[in-house]
């Protein structure tokens, strides 16, 4: 990953140098503000990965480039242009809550501030986690007869569309608690900040799902569908997966997985291509060979493969693409592929061709690409773990220009690195890669953008 990061940095610098030479037509080592603004406008129109920038955002981005306040861009300043384009900006006022906007007197009251402090505290989360544990016990008690294989169809209260048992009453009470939790968090944090959290988004989705399904089932009407009632129970169980988010190590593992899996997409695509090619070849060579049909010409020979028959590996065949991919997946996880091979050997009577086929995929797919993926994921995991730990660092003031908290910076847009923008609002800034890259340290990138010295100058010194 370090070598890939280095090669990308070199390629980025090379392209930026070429772009600068085109903009600096007079060779004065400076590019005017007008030229940079035109470049941003063209990128907005022609590059799909770059979202539409407002005039205010362009002014902020230009100010981040113009670190010396000269109203022109030097080569050293221009070399951070690619990082500037990754910025996602949002006005601080956009995160104002409904209470702050429409009820300012309430938002400044002591009682409301105490409520906000409590809802944002760890104690509130601990209370909700206790509620989740109680909910898990209730669900287990309610669903135990079904999970144990007991016949619940004769229970007059099961699936009748009414809240007429202690379990259903308790579940309804829990649903009300979850609705109140979501309402409190949205009121205190505001909708935009609330929904930006993956955990809150999951909670909100599950809560809405259960509320809608429960209302449809339990509202007095002629509708009484047992399948939907079972779906409501399933949705309630899914809601308990919130407990996993309470475990810090699991949260970190989930965050790292979301970062590195998209970055490994190219390697996975190579593996998919190899598997697809071998599955296609398998269909041509062995399609229709494995079959339960006694009239199949290969049936009697196949029945001599005792391990294959005793293991009921009939579904492991190359009669269609999905079955062929299933066979190759078994090889990737080294799951009794020799048994599969012995079945084909006896069925076709061509031992060496079958062994050559499986050996080729084992060398190319299992030993080659599969190990590359494993090493990439392990390498990326530990690198991203260090990055995530860096995101959780203490609040940092960058030369009085911005305050970085986590992976987000807040700054005053009126003057940025010595350049006046004509704006008067505070903004949030976040580095948002167009494609997920495990090499990118968002906090470090923000630190470099808001520092008064360009990265190139720092490196040269």
Protein backbone atom coordinates (compact mmCIF):
# COMPACT_ATOMS: atom_id res chain seq x y z
CA UNK A 1 0.00 0.00 0.00
CA UNK A 2 2.86 2.36 0.76
CA UNK A 3 4.30 1.77 -2.71
CA UNK A 4 0.89 2.36 -4.28
CA UNK A 5 0.54 5.57 -2.29
CA UNK A 6 3.99 6.70 -3.43
CA UNK A 7 3.24 5.93 -7.10
CA UNK A 8 -0.08 7.77 -6.90
CA UNK A 9 1.58 10.80 -5.33
CA UNK A 10 4.19 10.83 -8.10
CA UNK A 11 1.52 10.53 -10.80
CA UNK A 12 -0.57 13.27 -9.18
CA UNK A 13 2.44 15.59 -8.98
CA UNK A 14 3.36 14.89 -12.60
CA UNK A 15 -0.17 15.70 -13.83
CA UNK A 16 -0.39 18.83 -11.70
CA UNK A 17 2.95 20.02 -13.06
CA UNK A 18 1.68 19.54 -16.61
CA UNK A 19 -1.54 21.38 -15.79
CA UNK A 20 0.36 24.25 -14.19
CA UNK A 21 2.61 24.63 -17.22
CA UNK A 22 -0.51 24.99 -19.39
CA UNK A 23 -2.00 27.63 -17.09
CA UNK A 24 1.25 29.57 -16.59
CA UNK A 25 1.52 30.51 -20.26
CA UNK A 26 3.99 33.36 -19.65
CA UNK A 27 6.32 31.35 -17.42
CA UNK A 28 5.94 33.80 -14.51
CA UNK A 29 5.47 31.07 -11.87
CA UNK A 30 2.03 32.43 -11.05
CA UNK A 31 -1.53 31.73 -12.14
CA UNK A 32 -4.25 34.33 -11.72
CA UNK A 33 -7.39 33.89 -9.64
CA UNK A 34 -9.48 34.20 -12.79
CA UNK A 35 -7.72 31.24 -14.42
CA UNK A 36 -8.18 29.03 -11.34
CA UNK A 37 -11.88 29.92 -11.17
CA UNK A 38 -12.28 29.04 -14.84
CA UNK A 39 -10.60 25.67 -14.20
CA UNK A 40 -13.06 24.92 -11.37
CA UNK A 41 -15.99 25.85 -13.61
CA UNK A 42 -14.75 23.56 -16.40
CA UNK A 43 -14.23 20.70 -13.93
CA UNK A 44 -17.79 21.18 -12.69
CA UNK A 45 -19.11 20.81 -16.21
CA UNK A 46 -16.88 18.07 -17.62
CA UNK A 47 -15.82 15.80 -14.74
CA UNK A 48 -18.65 13.66 -13.29
CA UNK A 49 -16.68 12.79 -10.13
CA UNK A 50 -16.52 16.46 -9.14
CA UNK A 51 -19.80 17.72 -7.79
CA UNK A 52 -21.15 21.14 -8.71
CA UNK A 53 -19.37 23.85 -6.74
CA UNK A 54 -21.12 27.02 -5.64
CA UNK A 55 -19.38 30.39 -5.99
CA UNK A 56 -18.82 30.50 -2.23
CA UNK A 57 -17.18 27.07 -2.27
CA UNK A 58 -14.93 28.13 -5.15
CA UNK A 59 -13.85 31.18 -3.15
CA UNK A 60 -13.01 29.04 -0.14
CA UNK A 61 -11.06 26.55 -2.23
CA UNK A 62 -9.12 29.35 -3.91
CA UNK A 63 -8.27 30.84 -0.50
CA UNK A 64 -6.94 27.46 0.63
CA UNK A 65 -4.66 27.44 -2.42
CA UNK A 66 -3.51 31.05 -2.03
CA UNK A 67 -1.58 30.55 1.21
CA UNK A 68 0.49 33.74 0.93
CA UNK A 69 -2.49 36.01 0.17
CA UNK A 70 -0.90 37.29 -3.05
CA UNK A 71 -4.07 36.69 -5.10
CA UNK A 72 -2.04 34.50 -7.46
CA UNK A 73 -1.18 30.82 -7.25
CA UNK A 74 2.43 29.68 -7.31
CA UNK A 75 3.55 26.21 -8.31
CA UNK A 76 4.02 25.08 -4.70
CA UNK A 77 0.50 26.24 -3.87
CA UNK A 78 -0.99 24.62 -6.96
CA UNK A 79 0.38 21.18 -6.01
CA UNK A 80 -2.36 20.79 -3.36
CA UNK A 81 -5.10 21.44 -5.93
CA UNK A 82 -6.05 17.76 -6.04
CA UNK A 83 -6.59 17.70 -2.26
CA UNK A 84 -8.70 20.86 -2.40
CA UNK A 85 -11.03 19.22 -4.92
CA UNK A 86 -11.70 16.43 -2.41
CA UNK A 87 -13.17 18.86 0.10
CA UNK A 88 -16.81 18.55 1.06
CA UNK A 89 -17.96 21.86 2.52
CA UNK A 90 -21.09 22.57 4.53
CA UNK A 91 -22.25 25.70 6.27
CA UNK A 92 -22.33 25.44 10.02
CA UNK A 93 -25.79 27.01 9.94
CA UNK A 94 -27.03 24.01 7.91
CA UNK A 95 -26.55 21.91 11.04
CA UNK A 96 -28.75 24.14 13.18
CA UNK A 97 -31.58 22.24 14.86
CA UNK A 98 -35.29 22.97 14.62
CA UNK A 99 -35.27 24.29 18.19
CA UNK A 100 -32.31 26.59 17.54
CA UNK A 101 -33.96 28.06 14.43
CA UNK A 102 -37.60 28.36 15.49
CA UNK A 103 -37.40 28.41 19.31
CA UNK A 104 -34.19 30.30 20.16
CA UNK A 105 -35.39 31.19 23.66
CA UNK A 106 -35.96 27.50 24.43
CA UNK A 107 -32.60 26.47 22.96
CA UNK A 108 -30.74 28.79 25.34
CA UNK A 109 -32.67 27.77 28.45
CA UNK A 110 -30.88 25.84 31.18
CA UNK A 111 -33.31 22.93 31.11
CA UNK A 112 -32.92 22.43 27.35
CA UNK A 113 -29.13 22.66 27.59
CA UNK A 114 -29.18 20.02 30.34
CA UNK A 115 -31.34 17.80 28.09
CA UNK A 116 -28.90 18.25 25.18
CA UNK A 117 -25.96 17.42 27.41
CA UNK A 118 -27.68 14.25 28.64
CA UNK A 119 -28.74 13.04 25.17
CA UNK A 120 -25.19 13.53 23.87
CA UNK A 121 -23.62 11.83 26.88
CA UNK A 122 -22.33 8.30 27.24
CA UNK A 123 -24.85 7.75 30.03
CA UNK A 124 -27.76 8.08 27.60
CA UNK A 125 -26.16 5.52 25.28
CA UNK A 126 -25.65 3.17 28.22
CA UNK A 127 -29.33 3.44 29.13
CA UNK A 128 -30.33 2.59 25.55
CA UNK A 129 -27.96 -0.37 25.54
CA UNK A 130 -29.64 -1.69 28.70
CA UNK A 131 -33.00 -1.28 26.97
CA UNK A 132 -31.65 -3.25 24.01
CA UNK A 133 -30.50 -6.09 26.29
CA UNK A 134 -33.95 -6.24 27.89
CA UNK A 135 -35.48 -6.20 24.42
CA UNK A 136 -33.25 -9.12 23.43
CA UNK A 137 -34.48 -11.14 26.41
CA UNK A 138 -38.12 -10.37 25.56
CA UNK A 139 -37.64 -11.37 21.92
CA UNK A 140 -35.91 -14.60 22.97
CA UNK A 141 -38.77 -15.48 25.32
CA UNK A 142 -41.41 -14.58 22.71
CA UNK A 143 -39.78 -16.49 19.86
CA UNK A 144 -38.47 -19.48 21.79
CA UNK A 145 -41.44 -21.77 20.94
CA UNK A 146 -41.01 -21.03 17.22
CA UNK A 147 -37.21 -21.43 17.34
CA UNK A 148 -37.55 -24.67 19.30
CA UNK A 149 -39.74 -26.11 16.54
CA UNK A 150 -42.99 -26.08 18.50
CA UNK A 151 -46.24 -25.68 16.59
CA UNK A 152 -47.56 -22.19 17.37
CA UNK A 153 -50.21 -22.14 14.67
CA UNK A 154 -52.88 -23.31 17.12
CA UNK A 155 -52.25 -20.46 19.55
CA UNK A 156 -55.29 -18.17 19.15
CA UNK A 157 -53.18 -15.15 20.12
CA UNK A 158 -50.41 -15.82 17.61
CA UNK A 159 -50.87 -13.92 14.39
CA UNK A 160 -54.33 -12.55 15.24
CA UNK A 161 -53.34 -8.96 14.51
CA UNK A 162 -53.94 -7.69 18.06
CA UNK A 163 -51.69 -6.68 20.93
CA UNK A 164 -53.18 -9.17 23.36
CA UNK A 165 -50.16 -10.83 24.96
CA UNK A 166 -47.60 -9.65 27.48
CA UNK A 167 -44.83 -10.17 24.91
CA UNK A 168 -46.52 -8.06 22.24
CA UNK A 169 -47.27 -5.33 24.78
CA UNK A 170 -43.64 -5.27 25.87
CA UNK A 171 -42.44 -5.14 22.25
CA UNK A 172 -44.78 -2.24 21.55
CA UNK A 173 -43.40 -0.43 24.60
CA UNK A 174 -39.86 -0.95 23.34
CA UNK A 175 -40.85 0.42 19.94
CA UNK A 176 -42.21 3.56 21.63
CA UNK A 177 -38.91 3.94 23.51
CA UNK A 178 -36.91 3.66 20.27
CA UNK A 179 -39.14 6.25 18.60
CA UNK A 180 -38.60 8.62 21.52
CA UNK A 181 -34.83 8.02 21.33
CA UNK A 182 -34.77 8.92 17.63
CA UNK A 183 -36.90 12.03 18.21
CA UNK A 184 -34.66 13.22 21.05
CA UNK A 185 -31.49 12.73 19.03
CA UNK A 186 -32.92 14.51 15.99
CA UNK A 187 -34.17 17.38 18.16
CA UNK A 188 -30.83 17.80 19.93
CA UNK A 189 -28.43 17.13 17.03
CA UNK A 190 -30.51 18.21 14.06
CA UNK A 191 -31.49 15.94 11.18
CA UNK A 192 -28.34 16.47 9.09
CA UNK A 193 -25.85 15.68 11.84
CA UNK A 194 -28.03 12.80 13.08
CA UNK A 195 -28.35 11.02 9.74
CA UNK A 196 -24.65 11.42 8.89
CA UNK A 197 -23.85 8.81 11.53
CA UNK A 198 -24.10 5.27 10.07
CA UNK A 199 -25.22 4.01 13.47
CA UNK A 200 -28.03 6.56 13.69
CA UNK A 201 -29.05 5.89 10.09
CA UNK A 202 -29.33 2.16 10.84
CA UNK A 203 -31.31 2.83 14.04
CA UNK A 204 -33.68 5.19 12.24
CA UNK A 205 -34.26 2.77 9.35
CA UNK A 206 -35.02 -0.16 11.66
CA UNK A 207 -37.26 1.95 13.90
CA UNK A 208 -39.29 3.27 10.97
CA UNK A 209 -39.50 -0.22 9.48
CA UNK A 210 -40.88 -1.71 12.69
CA UNK A 211 -43.28 1.17 13.30
CA UNK A 212 -44.77 0.99 9.80
CA UNK A 213 -45.09 -2.79 9.80
CA UNK A 214 -46.52 -2.88 13.34
CA UNK A 215 -49.03 -0.13 12.56
CA UNK A 216 -50.19 -1.94 9.46
CA UNK A 217 -50.61 -5.23 11.32
CA UNK A 218 -52.09 -4.00 14.58
CA UNK A 219 -54.32 -1.22 13.26
CA UNK A 220 -57.94 -2.47 13.55
CA UNK A 221 -58.91 -3.65 10.08
CA UNK A 222 -59.67 -6.82 8.15
CA UNK A 223 -56.02 -7.32 7.25
CA UNK A 224 -54.47 -10.21 9.18
CA UNK A 225 -51.42 -11.62 7.44
CA UNK A 226 -49.35 -14.03 9.50
CA UNK A 227 -46.35 -13.67 7.18
CA UNK A 228 -46.15 -9.94 7.76
CA UNK A 229 -46.46 -10.45 11.50
CA UNK A 230 -43.50 -12.84 11.34
CA UNK A 231 -41.67 -10.16 9.33
CA UNK A 232 -42.31 -7.68 12.16
CA UNK A 233 -40.79 -10.13 14.63
CA UNK A 234 -37.77 -10.57 12.34
CA UNK A 235 -37.35 -6.80 12.02
CA UNK A 236 -37.37 -6.49 15.80
CA UNK A 237 -34.60 -9.07 16.02
CA UNK A 238 -32.54 -7.17 13.44
CA UNK A 239 -32.88 -4.08 15.58
CA UNK A 240 -30.94 -5.89 18.30
CA UNK A 241 -27.86 -5.88 16.07
CA UNK A 242 -27.39 -2.37 17.47
CA UNK A 243 -25.75 -4.08 20.41
CA UNK A 244 -22.78 -4.85 18.19
CA UNK A 245 -22.17 -1.10 17.75
CA UNK A 246 -21.77 -0.83 21.51
CA UNK A 247 -18.56 -2.88 21.25
CA UNK A 248 -15.73 -0.53 20.33
CA UNK A 249 -13.59 -3.16 18.61
CA UNK A 250 -16.52 -4.26 16.47
CA UNK A 251 -17.21 -0.65 15.47
CA UNK A 252 -13.58 -0.20 14.46
CA UNK A 253 -13.62 -3.47 12.52
CA UNK A 254 -16.78 -2.40 10.68
CA UNK A 255 -15.34 1.03 9.85
CA UNK A 256 -12.12 -0.51 8.53
CA UNK A 257 -14.04 -3.03 6.43
CA UNK A 258 -16.08 -0.25 4.82
CA UNK A 259 -12.84 1.53 3.93
CA UNK A 260 -10.72 -1.30 2.59
CA UNK A 261 -13.22 -3.51 0.75
CA UNK A 262 -14.00 -0.86 -1.93
CA UNK A 263 -10.27 -0.19 -2.23
CA UNK A 264 -9.72 -3.89 -2.96
CA UNK A 265 -12.39 -3.92 -5.68
CA UNK A 266 -9.85 -4.14 -8.51
CA UNK A 267 -8.24 -7.25 -7.02
CA UNK A 268 -11.65 -8.84 -6.44
CA UNK A 269 -12.58 -8.13 -10.06
CA UNK A 270 -9.46 -9.98 -11.23
CA UNK A 271 -10.47 -12.96 -9.12
CA UNK A 272 -14.03 -12.77 -10.47
CA UNK A 273 -12.70 -12.70 -14.03
CA UNK A 274 -10.54 -15.78 -13.42
CA UNK A 275 -13.41 -17.65 -11.74
CA UNK A 276 -15.80 -16.72 -14.55
CA UNK A 277 -13.32 -17.90 -17.18
CA UNK A 278 -12.73 -21.22 -15.45
CA UNK A 279 -16.47 -21.72 -14.85
CA UNK A 280 -17.13 -21.13 -18.55
CA UNK A 281 -14.40 -23.62 -19.47
CA UNK A 282 -15.85 -26.07 -16.95
CA UNK A 283 -19.27 -25.80 -18.56
CA UNK A 284 -17.76 -26.62 -21.97
CA UNK A 285 -15.73 -29.54 -20.65
CA UNK A 286 -17.97 -31.03 -17.97
CA UNK A 287 -21.46 -29.61 -18.55
CA UNK A 288 -24.08 -32.34 -18.02
CA UNK A 289 -21.53 -34.88 -16.75
CA UNK A 290 -22.77 -34.88 -13.16
CA UNK A 291 -26.46 -35.78 -12.99
CA UNK A 292 -28.85 -37.90 -10.92
CA UNK A 293 -30.53 -39.07 -14.11
CA UNK A 294 -29.91 -42.87 -14.42
CA UNK A 295 -30.16 -42.51 -18.21
CA UNK A 296 -27.14 -40.19 -18.25
CA UNK A 297 -24.20 -41.88 -19.95
CA UNK A 298 -21.91 -40.87 -17.07
CA UNK A 299 -24.25 -41.97 -14.27
CA UNK A 300 -22.88 -45.48 -13.69
CA UNK A 301 -19.27 -44.30 -13.71
CA UNK A 302 -20.12 -41.48 -11.30
CA UNK A 303 -21.75 -43.88 -8.84
CA UNK A 304 -18.34 -45.54 -8.40
CA UNK A 305 -17.05 -42.30 -6.79
CA UNK A 306 -17.98 -43.33 -3.24
CA UNK A 307 -16.73 -40.14 -1.53
CA UNK A 308 -18.58 -37.93 -3.99
CA UNK A 309 -21.86 -39.86 -3.72
CA UNK A 310 -21.71 -40.32 0.05
CA UNK A 311 -21.08 -36.59 0.50
CA UNK A 312 -24.12 -35.73 -1.66
CA UNK A 313 -22.06 -33.41 -3.84
CA UNK A 314 -24.59 -33.52 -6.66
CA UNK A 315 -25.03 -29.76 -6.62
CA UNK A 316 -21.30 -29.32 -7.24
CA UNK A 317 -21.31 -29.51 -11.01
CA UNK A 318 -20.68 -27.48 -14.13
CA UNK A 319 -24.17 -27.84 -15.59
CA UNK A 320 -24.69 -24.06 -15.32
CA UNK A 321 -22.72 -20.95 -14.43
CA UNK A 322 -23.90 -20.65 -10.82
CA UNK A 323 -23.10 -24.29 -10.08
CA UNK A 324 -19.68 -23.89 -11.68
CA UNK A 325 -18.95 -20.79 -9.59
CA UNK A 326 -20.02 -22.76 -6.52
CA UNK A 327 -17.43 -25.46 -7.31
CA UNK A 328 -14.69 -22.85 -7.75
CA UNK A 329 -15.69 -21.10 -4.51
CA UNK A 330 -15.29 -24.42 -2.71
CA UNK A 331 -11.80 -24.56 -4.13
CA UNK A 332 -11.03 -21.03 -2.93
CA UNK A 333 -11.88 -22.00 0.65
CA UNK A 334 -10.18 -25.41 0.15
CA UNK A 335 -13.39 -27.28 0.93
CA UNK A 336 -12.97 -30.96 -0.11
CA UNK A 337 -12.15 -30.08 -3.68
CA UNK A 338 -10.37 -33.43 -4.05
CA UNK A 339 -13.73 -35.15 -3.55
CA UNK A 340 -15.17 -33.01 -6.32
CA UNK A 341 -12.23 -33.84 -8.56
CA UNK A 342 -12.56 -37.60 -7.97
CA UNK A 343 -16.22 -37.50 -9.04
CA UNK A 344 -15.39 -35.84 -12.33
CA UNK A 345 -12.41 -38.13 -12.91
CA UNK A 346 -14.54 -41.28 -12.67
CA UNK A 347 -17.50 -39.77 -14.54
CA UNK A 348 -15.42 -38.60 -17.52
CA UNK A 349 -12.77 -41.29 -17.46
CA UNK A 350 -10.18 -38.58 -18.18
CA UNK A 351 -8.15 -38.30 -14.99
CA UNK A 352 -5.34 -36.05 -16.21
CA UNK A 353 -7.53 -33.43 -17.90
CA UNK A 354 -9.64 -33.06 -14.74
CA UNK A 355 -6.56 -32.79 -12.55
CA UNK A 356 -4.97 -30.27 -14.88
CA UNK A 357 -8.14 -28.15 -14.74
CA UNK A 358 -8.32 -28.13 -10.94
CA UNK A 359 -4.57 -27.70 -10.52
CA UNK A 360 -4.56 -24.69 -12.88
CA UNK A 361 -7.31 -22.94 -10.93
CA UNK A 362 -5.64 -23.83 -7.64
CA UNK A 363 -2.35 -22.26 -8.76
CA UNK A 364 -3.87 -19.18 -10.38
CA UNK A 365 -6.94 -18.49 -8.26
CA UNK A 366 -6.21 -19.96 -4.83
CA UNK A 367 -2.43 -19.69 -4.41
CA UNK A 368 -2.11 -16.60 -6.62
CA UNK A 369 -4.96 -14.10 -6.52
CA UNK A 370 -6.59 -15.33 -3.30
CA UNK A 371 -3.34 -14.89 -1.38
CA UNK A 372 -2.84 -11.47 -2.96
CA UNK A 373 -6.28 -10.45 -1.69
CA UNK A 374 -5.52 -11.83 1.77
CA UNK A 375 -2.20 -9.97 2.01
CA UNK A 376 -3.77 -6.77 0.66
CA UNK A 377 -6.62 -6.89 3.19
CA UNK A 378 -4.28 -7.59 6.11
CA UNK A 379 -1.90 -4.83 5.07
CA UNK A 380 -4.74 -2.38 4.49
CA UNK A 381 -6.39 -3.34 7.78
CA UNK A 382 -3.43 -2.38 9.93
CA UNK A 383 -2.76 0.78 7.95
CA UNK A 384 -6.38 1.87 8.18
CA UNK A 385 -6.43 1.00 11.87
CA UNK A 386 -3.68 3.56 12.41
CA UNK A 387 -5.64 6.09 10.33
CA UNK A 388 -8.84 5.54 12.31
CA UNK A 389 -6.96 5.86 15.60
CA UNK A 390 -5.62 9.15 14.24
CA UNK A 391 -9.17 10.34 13.50
CA UNK A 392 -10.06 9.78 17.14
CA UNK A 393 -7.26 12.02 18.31
CA UNK A 394 -7.83 15.13 20.43
CA UNK A 395 -9.23 18.36 19.06
CA UNK A 396 -6.51 20.26 17.21
CA UNK A 397 -6.15 23.93 16.36
CA UNK A 398 -4.28 24.42 13.05
CA UNK A 399 -2.45 27.74 13.22
CA UNK A 400 -5.65 29.53 14.25
CA UNK A 401 -7.19 28.78 10.85
CA UNK A 402 -9.34 25.76 11.71
CA UNK A 403 -10.18 23.39 14.53
CA UNK A 404 -9.98 19.73 13.54
CA UNK A 405 -12.10 17.27 15.46
CA UNK A 406 -12.11 13.69 14.25
CA UNK A 407 -12.01 13.83 10.46
CA UNK A 408 -13.81 17.18 10.19
CA UNK A 409 -12.57 20.77 10.46
CA UNK A 410 -14.57 23.87 11.38
CA UNK A 411 -13.31 27.26 10.23
CA UNK A 412 -14.26 30.91 9.72
CA UNK A 413 -14.62 31.55 6.00
CA UNK A 414 -14.01 35.31 6.11
CA UNK A 415 -10.20 35.02 5.99
CA UNK A 416 -8.47 31.74 5.13
CA UNK A 417 -4.66 31.41 5.23
CA UNK A 418 -4.41 35.18 4.79
CA UNK A 419 -6.82 35.47 1.85
CA UNK A 420 -10.09 37.38 2.23
CA UNK A 421 -13.09 35.61 0.71
CA UNK A 422 -15.86 38.15 1.32
CA UNK A 423 -17.84 35.48 3.20
CA UNK A 424 -19.08 35.74 6.77
CA UNK A 425 -20.13 32.23 7.79
CA UNK A 426 -18.45 29.35 9.54
CA UNK A 427 -18.07 26.13 7.57
CA UNK A 428 -17.40 22.47 8.17
CA UNK A 429 -14.82 20.84 5.91
CA UNK A 430 -14.34 17.14 5.36
CA UNK A 431 -12.10 15.26 2.93
CA UNK A 432 -14.33 13.00 0.86
CA UNK A 433 -12.49 10.87 -1.71
CA UNK A 434 -14.33 10.31 -4.98
CA UNK A 435 -13.20 6.69 -4.76
CA UNK A 436 -12.42 5.06 -1.42
CA UNK A 437 -8.67 4.95 -0.84
CA UNK A 438 -7.09 3.33 2.18
CA UNK A 439 -3.97 5.43 1.58
CA UNK A 440 -5.70 8.72 2.41
CA UNK A 441 -5.37 10.15 5.92
CA UNK A 442 -8.23 12.66 6.04
CA UNK A 443 -7.04 14.38 9.20
CA UNK A 444 -3.52 14.89 7.86
CA UNK A 445 -4.91 16.19 4.55
CA UNK A 446 -7.03 18.76 6.40
CA UNK A 447 -4.04 19.77 8.51
CA UNK A 448 -1.97 20.43 5.38
CA UNK A 449 -4.73 22.43 3.66
CA UNK A 450 -5.26 24.79 6.59
CA UNK A 451 -1.58 25.27 7.43
CA UNK A 452 0.00 28.50 6.28
CA UNK A 453 2.79 26.72 4.37
CA UNK A 454 2.32 24.67 1.25
CA UNK A 455 3.19 20.97 1.38
CA UNK A 456 5.70 21.25 -1.43
CA UNK A 457 7.59 24.00 0.36
CA UNK A 458 7.67 21.97 3.55
CA UNK A 459 9.03 18.92 1.75
CA UNK A 460 11.70 20.92 -0.07
CA UNK A 461 12.91 22.37 3.21
